[in-house]
Amino acid sequence: MVKWTPKEEEELLKLYQTGHTQKEMADTLNRSIASVNSKAATPQKAMKR
């Protein structure tokens, strides 16, 4: 499993909160859709770091 950097988590959270699709988030962050799905399912993780 590839770790997410704090900057990537912050960017994912911003994209998630502004209603971007999972494909758009994956493309923006250069991540797989599965990776984004896993992380986006629990956005609170990104906020706690």
N, C-alpha and C. Protein backbone atom coordinates (compact mmCIF):
# COMPACT_ATOMS: atom_id res chain seq x y z
N MET A 1 0.84 -1.18 0.00
CA MET A 1 0.00 0.00 0.00
C MET A 1 0.89 1.25 0.00
N VAL A 2 0.57 2.16 -0.88
CA VAL A 2 1.33 3.40 -0.98
C VAL A 2 0.76 4.40 0.02
N LYS A 3 1.64 5.03 0.76
CA LYS A 3 1.19 6.00 1.76
C LYS A 3 0.79 7.30 1.08
N TRP A 4 -0.15 7.98 1.69
CA TRP A 4 -0.58 9.29 1.22
C TRP A 4 0.19 10.34 2.00
N THR A 5 0.65 11.37 1.32
CA THR A 5 1.31 12.47 2.00
C THR A 5 0.23 13.38 2.59
N PRO A 6 0.58 14.16 3.61
CA PRO A 6 -0.40 15.09 4.16
C PRO A 6 -0.95 16.05 3.11
N LYS A 7 -0.10 16.47 2.17
CA LYS A 7 -0.54 17.38 1.11
C LYS A 7 -1.58 16.70 0.21
N GLU A 8 -1.34 15.42 -0.12
CA GLU A 8 -2.29 14.68 -0.95
C GLU A 8 -3.61 14.48 -0.21
N GLU A 9 -3.54 14.19 1.08
CA GLU A 9 -4.76 14.01 1.87
C GLU A 9 -5.56 15.31 1.92
N GLU A 10 -4.87 16.43 2.08
CA GLU A 10 -5.54 17.72 2.12
C GLU A 10 -6.21 18.02 0.78
N GLU A 11 -5.52 17.75 -0.31
CA GLU A 11 -6.07 17.98 -1.64
C GLU A 11 -7.28 17.07 -1.88
N LEU A 12 -7.19 15.81 -1.47
CA LEU A 12 -8.30 14.88 -1.61
C LEU A 12 -9.51 15.39 -0.83
N LEU A 13 -9.30 15.86 0.36
CA LEU A 13 -10.39 16.37 1.18
C LEU A 13 -11.06 17.56 0.51
N LYS A 14 -10.26 18.47 -0.05
CA LYS A 14 -10.83 19.63 -0.75
C LYS A 14 -11.67 19.19 -1.95
N LEU A 15 -11.13 18.25 -2.73
CA LEU A 15 -11.86 17.75 -3.89
C LEU A 15 -13.15 17.05 -3.46
N TYR A 16 -13.07 16.27 -2.40
CA TYR A 16 -14.22 15.53 -1.87
C TYR A 16 -15.32 16.50 -1.42
N GLN A 17 -14.91 17.55 -0.71
CA GLN A 17 -15.87 18.51 -0.18
C GLN A 17 -16.51 19.37 -1.26
N THR A 18 -15.84 19.53 -2.39
CA THR A 18 -16.39 20.36 -3.46
C THR A 18 -17.15 19.53 -4.49
N GLY A 19 -17.35 18.25 -4.21
CA GLY A 19 -18.22 17.42 -5.02
C GLY A 19 -17.63 16.84 -6.29
N HIS A 20 -16.32 16.74 -6.37
CA HIS A 20 -15.70 16.13 -7.55
C HIS A 20 -15.98 14.63 -7.56
N THR A 21 -16.02 14.06 -8.76
CA THR A 21 -16.23 12.62 -8.86
C THR A 21 -14.96 11.89 -8.44
N GLN A 22 -15.11 10.61 -8.14
CA GLN A 22 -13.95 9.82 -7.73
C GLN A 22 -12.93 9.73 -8.86
N LYS A 23 -13.40 9.69 -10.10
CA LYS A 23 -12.47 9.65 -11.24
C LYS A 23 -11.69 10.96 -11.32
N GLU A 24 -12.36 12.09 -11.13
CA GLU A 24 -11.68 13.38 -11.15
C GLU A 24 -10.65 13.47 -10.03
N MET A 25 -11.01 12.98 -8.85
CA MET A 25 -10.07 13.00 -7.73
C MET A 25 -8.85 12.13 -8.05
N ALA A 26 -9.09 10.95 -8.60
CA ALA A 26 -7.99 10.03 -8.94
C ALA A 26 -7.08 10.66 -9.99
N ASP A 27 -7.68 11.26 -11.01
CA ASP A 27 -6.88 11.89 -12.07
C ASP A 27 -6.06 13.06 -11.52
N THR A 28 -6.67 13.89 -10.70
CA THR A 28 -5.99 15.05 -10.14
C THR A 28 -4.82 14.64 -9.27
N LEU A 29 -5.01 13.59 -8.47
CA LEU A 29 -3.98 13.16 -7.53
C LEU A 29 -3.05 12.08 -8.10
N ASN A 30 -3.31 11.69 -9.35
CA ASN A 30 -2.52 10.63 -10.00
C ASN A 30 -2.54 9.35 -9.16
N ARG A 31 -3.73 8.98 -8.73
CA ARG A 31 -3.95 7.77 -7.93
C ARG A 31 -4.98 6.90 -8.63
N SER A 32 -5.04 5.65 -8.24
CA SER A 32 -6.07 4.77 -8.80
C SER A 32 -7.42 5.12 -8.18
N ILE A 33 -8.47 4.78 -8.91
CA ILE A 33 -9.81 5.04 -8.39
C ILE A 33 -10.04 4.22 -7.13
N ALA A 34 -9.52 3.00 -7.08
CA ALA A 34 -9.67 2.15 -5.89
C ALA A 34 -9.02 2.81 -4.67
N SER A 35 -7.86 3.41 -4.88
CA SER A 35 -7.16 4.08 -3.79
C SER A 35 -7.96 5.27 -3.29
N VAL A 36 -8.51 6.03 -4.22
CA VAL A 36 -9.33 7.19 -3.86
C VAL A 36 -10.60 6.73 -3.16
N ASN A 37 -11.23 5.67 -3.67
CA ASN A 37 -12.44 5.14 -3.03
C ASN A 37 -12.18 4.77 -1.59
N SER A 38 -11.07 4.10 -1.37
CA SER A 38 -10.70 3.67 -0.03
C SER A 38 -10.49 4.86 0.90
N LYS A 39 -9.79 5.87 0.41
CA LYS A 39 -9.48 7.04 1.22
C LYS A 39 -10.71 7.94 1.37
N ALA A 40 -11.47 8.12 0.30
CA ALA A 40 -12.64 9.01 0.33
C ALA A 40 -13.77 8.44 1.18
N ALA A 41 -13.77 7.13 1.37
CA ALA A 41 -14.80 6.51 2.20
C ALA A 41 -14.67 6.94 3.65
N THR A 42 -13.47 7.36 4.03
CA THR A 42 -13.23 7.81 5.40
C THR A 42 -12.47 9.14 5.38
N PRO A 43 -13.12 10.22 4.91
CA PRO A 43 -12.43 11.51 4.81
C PRO A 43 -12.01 12.07 6.17
N GLN A 44 -12.60 11.58 7.24
CA GLN A 44 -12.22 12.05 8.57
C GLN A 44 -10.77 11.74 8.87
N LYS A 45 -10.25 10.66 8.30
CA LYS A 45 -8.84 10.30 8.50
C LYS A 45 -7.94 11.44 8.06
N ALA A 46 -8.26 12.02 6.93
CA ALA A 46 -7.43 13.10 6.40
C ALA A 46 -7.50 14.34 7.29
N MET A 47 -8.66 14.58 7.90
CA MET A 47 -8.82 15.77 8.73
C MET A 47 -8.09 15.62 10.06
N LYS A 48 -7.91 14.41 10.54
CA LYS A 48 -7.29 14.20 11.85
C LYS A 48 -5.78 14.37 11.83
N ARG A 49 -5.16 14.28 10.66
CA ARG A 49 -3.70 14.34 10.59
C ARG A 49 -3.19 15.73 10.58
